[in-house]
Amino acid sequence: MPMIRLTAPTGSLTEEGREKVQRDLAAVLLHWEGAPDTAFFRAQAWSFLVEPPEGAQTTAEDDEPRFLVEVTVPQGALSERRRAGLVEDATRTVLEAAGLPPAEALRVWVLVHEQPDGTWGAGGSVVRFADLVALAKGERADA
């Protein structure tokens, strides 16, 4: 049930970056979550791009665009190492999509939300982390 959402002010991404950032962020998330690279798991990695209108985001200092990446994963899916890798790669992906250098990394914030077990459902049923782990093991065996 990984989900990733990028909020980026309208016009702040390059044309090429806007075309590919959602799939790139979904791939980053799946990699760090340790999910198998299969059609099923790629289809479950939802990626959203939210573009507020120009002028909708600012700071107390300036109007330079800032970027917010919100990631939702099952509780326990990310170790500290995996969480750090996810934050680093998501930041790099957003900077590239915006045509910004690594020195601008503080303009990208990544918030990781861990969904408590038993509080997510799909297909009309509650899905637990253990169910996803078992499914991933089966997917790896078939891959």
N, C-alpha and C. Protein backbone atom coordinates (compact mmCIF):
# COMPACT_ATOMS: atom_id res chain seq x y z
N MET A 1 0.79 -1.19 0.00
CA MET A 1 0.00 0.00 0.00
C MET A 1 0.83 1.25 0.00
N PRO A 2 2.02 1.20 -0.59
CA PRO A 2 2.80 2.43 -0.59
C PRO A 2 2.13 3.50 -1.44
N MET A 3 2.22 4.73 -0.95
CA MET A 3 1.65 5.86 -1.67
C MET A 3 2.60 7.02 -1.51
N ILE A 4 2.79 7.76 -2.58
CA ILE A 4 3.69 8.91 -2.53
C ILE A 4 3.01 10.08 -3.21
N ARG A 5 3.13 11.25 -2.61
CA ARG A 5 2.48 12.45 -3.13
C ARG A 5 3.50 13.58 -3.13
N LEU A 6 3.66 14.18 -4.29
CA LEU A 6 4.52 15.35 -4.42
C LEU A 6 3.65 16.57 -4.60
N THR A 7 3.84 17.55 -3.73
CA THR A 7 3.21 18.85 -3.89
C THR A 7 4.29 19.80 -4.40
N ALA A 8 4.06 20.30 -5.61
CA ALA A 8 5.03 21.18 -6.27
C ALA A 8 4.27 22.33 -6.91
N PRO A 9 4.65 23.56 -6.62
CA PRO A 9 3.94 24.69 -7.20
C PRO A 9 3.87 24.58 -8.73
N THR A 10 2.75 24.97 -9.30
CA THR A 10 2.57 24.96 -10.74
C THR A 10 3.72 25.69 -11.42
N GLY A 11 4.29 25.02 -12.43
CA GLY A 11 5.38 25.62 -13.19
C GLY A 11 6.76 25.43 -12.60
N SER A 12 6.86 24.77 -11.45
CA SER A 12 8.17 24.62 -10.80
C SER A 12 8.97 23.42 -11.31
N LEU A 13 8.32 22.52 -12.03
CA LEU A 13 9.02 21.35 -12.58
C LEU A 13 9.33 21.61 -14.05
N THR A 14 10.42 21.02 -14.53
CA THR A 14 10.70 21.12 -15.95
C THR A 14 9.66 20.30 -16.70
N GLU A 15 9.54 20.52 -18.00
CA GLU A 15 8.56 19.76 -18.78
C GLU A 15 8.87 18.27 -18.70
N GLU A 16 10.13 17.91 -18.90
CA GLU A 16 10.52 16.50 -18.82
C GLU A 16 10.32 15.97 -17.40
N GLY A 17 10.69 16.76 -16.41
CA GLY A 17 10.54 16.35 -15.02
C GLY A 17 9.10 16.09 -14.66
N ARG A 18 8.21 16.96 -15.13
CA ARG A 18 6.79 16.79 -14.83
C ARG A 18 6.24 15.51 -15.44
N GLU A 19 6.74 15.15 -16.62
CA GLU A 19 6.26 13.95 -17.30
C GLU A 19 6.66 12.66 -16.59
N LYS A 20 7.80 12.66 -15.89
CA LYS A 20 8.30 11.39 -15.34
C LYS A 20 8.43 11.33 -13.82
N VAL A 21 8.25 12.43 -13.13
CA VAL A 21 8.51 12.44 -11.69
C VAL A 21 7.63 11.47 -10.91
N GLN A 22 6.38 11.31 -11.29
CA GLN A 22 5.50 10.42 -10.53
C GLN A 22 5.97 8.97 -10.60
N ARG A 23 6.28 8.49 -11.78
CA ARG A 23 6.76 7.11 -11.90
C ARG A 23 8.13 6.95 -11.24
N ASP A 24 8.98 7.96 -11.38
CA ASP A 24 10.30 7.89 -10.74
C ASP A 24 10.17 7.81 -9.22
N LEU A 25 9.29 8.64 -8.64
CA LEU A 25 9.10 8.60 -7.19
C LEU A 25 8.49 7.27 -6.75
N ALA A 26 7.55 6.73 -7.51
CA ALA A 26 6.97 5.42 -7.18
C ALA A 26 8.04 4.34 -7.20
N ALA A 27 8.93 4.40 -8.18
CA ALA A 27 10.02 3.41 -8.26
C ALA A 27 10.97 3.54 -7.07
N VAL A 28 11.27 4.77 -6.66
CA VAL A 28 12.11 5.00 -5.49
C VAL A 28 11.46 4.39 -4.25
N LEU A 29 10.18 4.63 -4.10
CA LEU A 29 9.46 4.11 -2.94
C LEU A 29 9.47 2.58 -2.92
N LEU A 30 9.16 1.96 -4.03
CA LEU A 30 9.16 0.49 -4.09
C LEU A 30 10.54 -0.08 -3.80
N HIS A 31 11.56 0.56 -4.34
CA HIS A 31 12.93 0.09 -4.09
C HIS A 31 13.24 0.07 -2.60
N TRP A 32 12.99 1.20 -1.94
CA TRP A 32 13.36 1.29 -0.52
C TRP A 32 12.43 0.50 0.38
N GLU A 33 11.23 0.25 -0.08
CA GLU A 33 10.32 -0.59 0.69
C GLU A 33 10.71 -2.06 0.56
N GLY A 34 11.50 -2.37 -0.47
CA GLY A 34 11.94 -3.75 -0.67
C GLY A 34 10.90 -4.61 -1.37
N ALA A 35 9.96 -3.97 -2.05
CA ALA A 35 8.91 -4.73 -2.76
C ALA A 35 9.49 -5.33 -4.04
N PRO A 36 8.95 -6.47 -4.45
CA PRO A 36 9.40 -7.06 -5.70
C PRO A 36 9.05 -6.16 -6.89
N ASP A 37 9.89 -6.19 -7.91
CA ASP A 37 9.65 -5.41 -9.11
C ASP A 37 8.75 -6.21 -10.05
N THR A 38 7.46 -6.25 -9.71
CA THR A 38 6.49 -6.99 -10.51
C THR A 38 5.35 -6.04 -10.87
N ALA A 39 4.60 -6.42 -11.89
CA ALA A 39 3.47 -5.59 -12.32
C ALA A 39 2.49 -5.36 -11.18
N PHE A 40 2.22 -6.40 -10.38
CA PHE A 40 1.27 -6.26 -9.29
C PHE A 40 1.71 -5.18 -8.31
N PHE A 41 2.95 -5.25 -7.84
CA PHE A 41 3.41 -4.28 -6.84
C PHE A 41 3.58 -2.89 -7.45
N ARG A 42 4.01 -2.79 -8.70
CA ARG A 42 4.09 -1.47 -9.34
C ARG A 42 2.70 -0.84 -9.43
N ALA A 43 1.67 -1.65 -9.68
CA ALA A 43 0.30 -1.12 -9.78
C ALA A 43 -0.24 -0.67 -8.43
N GLN A 44 0.33 -1.15 -7.34
CA GLN A 44 -0.14 -0.76 -6.00
C GLN A 44 0.59 0.47 -5.47
N ALA A 45 1.64 0.89 -6.12
CA ALA A 45 2.41 2.06 -5.67
C ALA A 45 1.80 3.31 -6.29
N TRP A 46 0.84 3.88 -5.61
CA TRP A 46 0.14 5.05 -6.12
C TRP A 46 1.03 6.29 -5.97
N SER A 47 1.02 7.12 -7.00
CA SER A 47 1.83 8.33 -7.00
C SER A 47 0.97 9.49 -7.46
N PHE A 48 0.96 10.55 -6.67
CA PHE A 48 0.16 11.73 -6.96
C PHE A 48 1.06 12.94 -7.16
N LEU A 49 0.65 13.81 -8.06
CA LEU A 49 1.30 15.10 -8.23
C LEU A 49 0.24 16.17 -7.99
N VAL A 50 0.46 16.99 -6.98
CA VAL A 50 -0.45 18.07 -6.63
C VAL A 50 0.27 19.37 -6.96
N GLU A 51 -0.37 20.19 -7.80
CA GLU A 51 0.25 21.45 -8.21
C GLU A 51 -0.64 22.63 -7.84
N PRO A 52 -0.41 23.19 -6.66
CA PRO A 52 -1.18 24.38 -6.27
C PRO A 52 -0.88 25.52 -7.25
N PRO A 53 -1.81 26.42 -7.42
CA PRO A 53 -1.58 27.53 -8.36
C PRO A 53 -0.43 28.44 -7.92
N GLU A 54 0.11 29.15 -8.89
CA GLU A 54 1.19 30.09 -8.62
C GLU A 54 0.77 31.03 -7.50
N GLY A 55 1.67 31.24 -6.55
CA GLY A 55 1.39 32.13 -5.43
C GLY A 55 0.75 31.46 -4.23
N ALA A 56 0.43 30.16 -4.35
CA ALA A 56 -0.23 29.46 -3.24
C ALA A 56 0.76 29.00 -2.17
N GLN A 57 2.04 29.03 -2.47
CA GLN A 57 3.06 28.59 -1.50
C GLN A 57 4.10 29.69 -1.37
N THR A 58 4.49 29.97 -0.16
CA THR A 58 5.53 30.96 0.09
C THR A 58 6.19 30.64 1.42
N THR A 59 7.21 31.36 1.76
CA THR A 59 7.81 31.27 3.09
C THR A 59 7.83 32.69 3.66
N ALA A 60 8.27 32.82 4.89
CA ALA A 60 8.39 34.15 5.49
C ALA A 60 9.55 34.92 4.85
N GLU A 61 10.41 34.23 4.09
CA GLU A 61 11.59 34.84 3.49
C GLU A 61 11.44 35.17 2.02
N ASP A 62 10.88 34.21 1.22
CA ASP A 62 10.87 34.42 -0.23
C ASP A 62 9.75 33.60 -0.88
N ASP A 63 9.66 33.73 -2.19
CA ASP A 63 8.63 33.01 -2.94
C ASP A 63 9.21 31.89 -3.80
N GLU A 64 10.44 31.49 -3.54
CA GLU A 64 11.04 30.38 -4.29
C GLU A 64 10.22 29.12 -4.04
N PRO A 65 10.04 28.28 -5.07
CA PRO A 65 9.23 27.07 -4.86
C PRO A 65 9.86 26.12 -3.85
N ARG A 66 9.00 25.54 -3.04
CA ARG A 66 9.38 24.48 -2.12
C ARG A 66 8.58 23.25 -2.51
N PHE A 67 9.08 22.09 -2.15
CA PHE A 67 8.48 20.83 -2.58
C PHE A 67 8.25 19.95 -1.36
N LEU A 68 7.07 19.36 -1.31
CA LEU A 68 6.72 18.47 -0.21
C LEU A 68 6.42 17.09 -0.76
N VAL A 69 7.18 16.11 -0.29
CA VAL A 69 6.95 14.71 -0.66
C VAL A 69 6.38 14.02 0.58
N GLU A 70 5.18 13.47 0.44
CA GLU A 70 4.55 12.74 1.53
C GLU A 70 4.46 11.28 1.13
N VAL A 71 4.99 10.43 1.98
CA VAL A 71 5.04 9.00 1.72
C VAL A 71 4.23 8.29 2.79
N THR A 72 3.36 7.38 2.37
CA THR A 72 2.60 6.56 3.31
C THR A 72 2.96 5.11 3.08
N VAL A 73 3.42 4.45 4.14
CA VAL A 73 3.81 3.04 4.08
C VAL A 73 3.26 2.32 5.31
N PRO A 74 3.15 1.00 5.23
CA PRO A 74 2.73 0.26 6.42
C PRO A 74 3.78 0.42 7.54
N GLN A 75 3.30 0.52 8.75
CA GLN A 75 4.21 0.59 9.89
C GLN A 75 5.10 -0.64 9.88
N GLY A 76 6.41 -0.44 10.03
CA GLY A 76 7.37 -1.53 10.04
C GLY A 76 7.97 -1.84 8.69
N ALA A 77 7.50 -1.17 7.63
CA ALA A 77 8.00 -1.46 6.28
C ALA A 77 9.38 -0.86 6.03
N LEU A 78 9.74 0.19 6.76
CA LEU A 78 11.02 0.86 6.53
C LEU A 78 11.89 0.85 7.78
N SER A 79 13.08 0.30 7.66
CA SER A 79 14.07 0.42 8.72
C SER A 79 14.63 1.85 8.68
N GLU A 80 15.43 2.22 9.65
CA GLU A 80 16.06 3.55 9.64
C GLU A 80 16.90 3.72 8.37
N ARG A 81 17.64 2.69 7.98
CA ARG A 81 18.48 2.75 6.78
C ARG A 81 17.62 2.95 5.54
N ARG A 82 16.53 2.19 5.43
CA ARG A 82 15.65 2.31 4.27
C ARG A 82 14.95 3.68 4.24
N ARG A 83 14.55 4.17 5.39
CA ARG A 83 13.90 5.49 5.46
C ARG A 83 14.88 6.57 5.00
N ALA A 84 16.12 6.48 5.46
CA ALA A 84 17.14 7.47 5.06
C ALA A 84 17.39 7.40 3.55
N GLY A 85 17.47 6.19 3.00
CA GLY A 85 17.67 6.05 1.56
C GLY A 85 16.51 6.60 0.77
N LEU A 86 15.30 6.37 1.25
CA LEU A 86 14.10 6.88 0.60
C LEU A 86 14.11 8.41 0.59
N VAL A 87 14.42 9.01 1.72
CA VAL A 87 14.45 10.47 1.81
C VAL A 87 15.51 11.04 0.86
N GLU A 88 16.68 10.44 0.85
CA GLU A 88 17.76 10.92 -0.02
C GLU A 88 17.38 10.79 -1.50
N ASP A 89 16.87 9.63 -1.90
CA ASP A 89 16.54 9.42 -3.31
C ASP A 89 15.32 10.23 -3.75
N ALA A 90 14.34 10.38 -2.88
CA ALA A 90 13.17 11.20 -3.23
C ALA A 90 13.58 12.66 -3.40
N THR A 91 14.44 13.13 -2.54
CA THR A 91 14.93 14.51 -2.64
C THR A 91 15.68 14.70 -3.96
N ARG A 92 16.57 13.80 -4.29
CA ARG A 92 17.33 13.87 -5.54
C ARG A 92 16.38 13.84 -6.74
N THR A 93 15.38 12.98 -6.71
CA THR A 93 14.43 12.85 -7.81
C THR A 93 13.66 14.15 -8.03
N VAL A 94 13.22 14.78 -6.96
CA VAL A 94 12.47 16.04 -7.07
C VAL A 94 13.39 17.16 -7.58
N LEU A 95 14.59 17.23 -7.06
CA LEU A 95 15.53 18.26 -7.53
C LEU A 95 15.78 18.11 -9.03
N GLU A 96 15.98 16.88 -9.48
CA GLU A 96 16.20 16.64 -10.91
C GLU A 96 14.97 17.05 -11.72
N ALA A 97 13.77 16.72 -11.23
CA ALA A 97 12.54 17.06 -11.94
C ALA A 97 12.33 18.57 -12.03
N ALA A 98 12.87 19.30 -11.07
CA ALA A 98 12.73 20.76 -11.05
C ALA A 98 13.92 21.46 -11.71
N GLY A 99 14.93 20.67 -12.11
CA GLY A 99 16.11 21.26 -12.73
C GLY A 99 16.95 22.04 -11.73
N LEU A 100 16.96 21.59 -10.48
CA LEU A 100 17.70 22.28 -9.43
C LEU A 100 18.93 21.49 -9.01
N PRO A 101 19.99 22.16 -8.59
CA PRO A 101 21.21 21.47 -8.15
C PRO A 101 21.05 20.91 -6.74
N PRO A 102 21.93 19.96 -6.37
CA PRO A 102 21.87 19.37 -5.02
C PRO A 102 21.96 20.41 -3.90
N ALA A 103 22.58 21.54 -4.15
CA ALA A 103 22.71 22.58 -3.13
C ALA A 103 21.35 23.12 -2.70
N GLU A 104 20.30 22.87 -3.48
CA GLU A 104 18.95 23.35 -3.15
C GLU A 104 18.13 22.31 -2.39
N ALA A 105 18.78 21.29 -1.85
CA ALA A 105 18.07 20.17 -1.21
C ALA A 105 17.16 20.60 -0.06
N LEU A 106 17.45 21.68 0.62
CA LEU A 106 16.58 22.11 1.72
C LEU A 106 15.22 22.61 1.24
N ARG A 107 15.07 22.78 -0.07
CA ARG A 107 13.77 23.18 -0.62
C ARG A 107 12.84 21.98 -0.78
N VAL A 108 13.35 20.78 -0.49
CA VAL A 108 12.55 19.56 -0.58
C VAL A 108 12.40 18.96 0.81
N TRP A 109 11.18 18.81 1.26
CA TRP A 109 10.90 18.13 2.52
C TRP A 109 10.23 16.80 2.21
N VAL A 110 10.62 15.77 2.94
CA VAL A 110 10.03 14.44 2.79
C VAL A 110 9.46 14.03 4.13
N LEU A 111 8.16 13.77 4.16
CA LEU A 111 7.49 13.31 5.38
C LEU A 111 7.07 11.86 5.17
N VAL A 112 7.50 10.99 6.06
CA VAL A 112 7.15 9.58 5.97
C VAL A 112 6.07 9.30 7.01
N HIS A 113 4.92 8.88 6.54
CA HIS A 113 3.79 8.54 7.41
C HIS A 113 3.68 7.02 7.45
N GLU A 114 3.78 6.47 8.65
CA GLU A 114 3.64 5.02 8.80
C GLU A 114 2.22 4.71 9.24
N GLN A 115 1.53 3.93 8.43
CA GLN A 115 0.14 3.56 8.68
C GLN A 115 0.11 2.39 9.66
N PRO A 116 -0.51 2.54 10.84
CA PRO A 116 -0.56 1.44 11.80
C PRO A 116 -1.24 0.20 11.20
N ASP A 117 -0.74 -0.96 11.59
CA ASP A 117 -1.28 -2.22 11.09
C ASP A 117 -2.77 -2.31 11.40
N GLY A 118 -3.52 -2.76 10.40
CA GLY A 118 -4.95 -2.93 10.57
C GLY A 118 -5.77 -1.69 10.26
N THR A 119 -5.11 -0.60 9.82
CA THR A 119 -5.84 0.64 9.55
C THR A 119 -5.86 0.98 8.06
N TRP A 120 -5.56 0.01 7.23
CA TRP A 120 -5.61 0.21 5.79
C TRP A 120 -6.41 -0.93 5.18
N GLY A 121 -7.21 -0.60 4.23
CA GLY A 121 -8.00 -1.63 3.55
C GLY A 121 -7.95 -1.44 2.05
N ALA A 122 -8.12 -2.54 1.32
CA ALA A 122 -8.19 -2.50 -0.14
C ALA A 122 -9.04 -3.67 -0.59
N GLY A 123 -9.76 -3.48 -1.66
CA GLY A 123 -10.59 -4.55 -2.18
C GLY A 123 -11.69 -4.98 -1.22
N GLY A 124 -12.07 -4.09 -0.31
CA GLY A 124 -13.14 -4.39 0.63
C GLY A 124 -12.71 -5.12 1.89
N SER A 125 -11.39 -5.28 2.08
CA SER A 125 -10.88 -5.99 3.26
C SER A 125 -9.73 -5.22 3.91
N VAL A 126 -9.55 -5.45 5.20
CA VAL A 126 -8.39 -4.90 5.89
C VAL A 126 -7.17 -5.68 5.42
N VAL A 127 -6.11 -4.95 5.08
CA VAL A 127 -4.86 -5.59 4.65
C VAL A 127 -3.83 -5.33 5.73
N ARG A 128 -3.20 -6.38 6.19
CA ARG A 128 -2.18 -6.27 7.24
C ARG A 128 -0.79 -6.38 6.63
N PHE A 129 0.19 -5.84 7.33
CA PHE A 129 1.58 -5.87 6.85
C PHE A 129 2.05 -7.29 6.60
N ALA A 130 1.68 -8.23 7.47
CA ALA A 130 2.08 -9.63 7.28
C ALA A 130 1.52 -10.18 5.97
N ASP A 131 0.32 -9.76 5.58
CA ASP A 131 -0.26 -10.18 4.30
C ASP A 131 0.60 -9.69 3.14
N LEU A 132 1.06 -8.45 3.23
CA LEU A 132 1.89 -7.89 2.16
C LEU A 132 3.24 -8.58 2.08
N VAL A 133 3.82 -8.89 3.24
CA VAL A 133 5.11 -9.61 3.26
C VAL A 133 4.95 -10.97 2.61
N ALA A 134 3.90 -11.69 2.96
CA ALA A 134 3.66 -13.01 2.38
C ALA A 134 3.44 -12.91 0.87
N LEU A 135 2.70 -11.91 0.45
CA LEU A 135 2.45 -11.70 -0.97
C LEU A 135 3.76 -11.39 -1.69
N ALA A 136 4.59 -10.56 -1.08
CA ALA A 136 5.88 -10.20 -1.70
C ALA A 136 6.76 -11.43 -1.85
N LYS A 137 6.78 -12.30 -0.85
CA LYS A 137 7.58 -13.53 -0.95
C LYS A 137 7.08 -14.39 -2.09
N GLY A 138 5.78 -14.50 -2.25
CA GLY A 138 5.21 -15.27 -3.35
C GLY A 138 5.51 -14.64 -4.70
N GLU A 139 5.49 -13.31 -4.76
CA GLU A 139 5.78 -12.60 -6.01
C GLU A 139 7.25 -12.80 -6.39
N ARG A 140 8.14 -12.79 -5.39
CA ARG A 140 9.56 -12.99 -5.70
C ARG A 140 9.80 -14.38 -6.24
N ALA A 141 9.09 -15.35 -5.71
CA ALA A 141 9.26 -16.74 -6.18
C ALA A 141 8.80 -16.87 -7.62
N ASP A 142 7.80 -16.08 -8.02
CA ASP A 142 7.28 -16.15 -9.38
C ASP A 142 8.05 -15.28 -10.36
N ALA A 143 8.82 -14.33 -9.84
CA ALA A 143 9.49 -13.35 -10.71
C ALA A 143 10.63 -13.95 -11.50
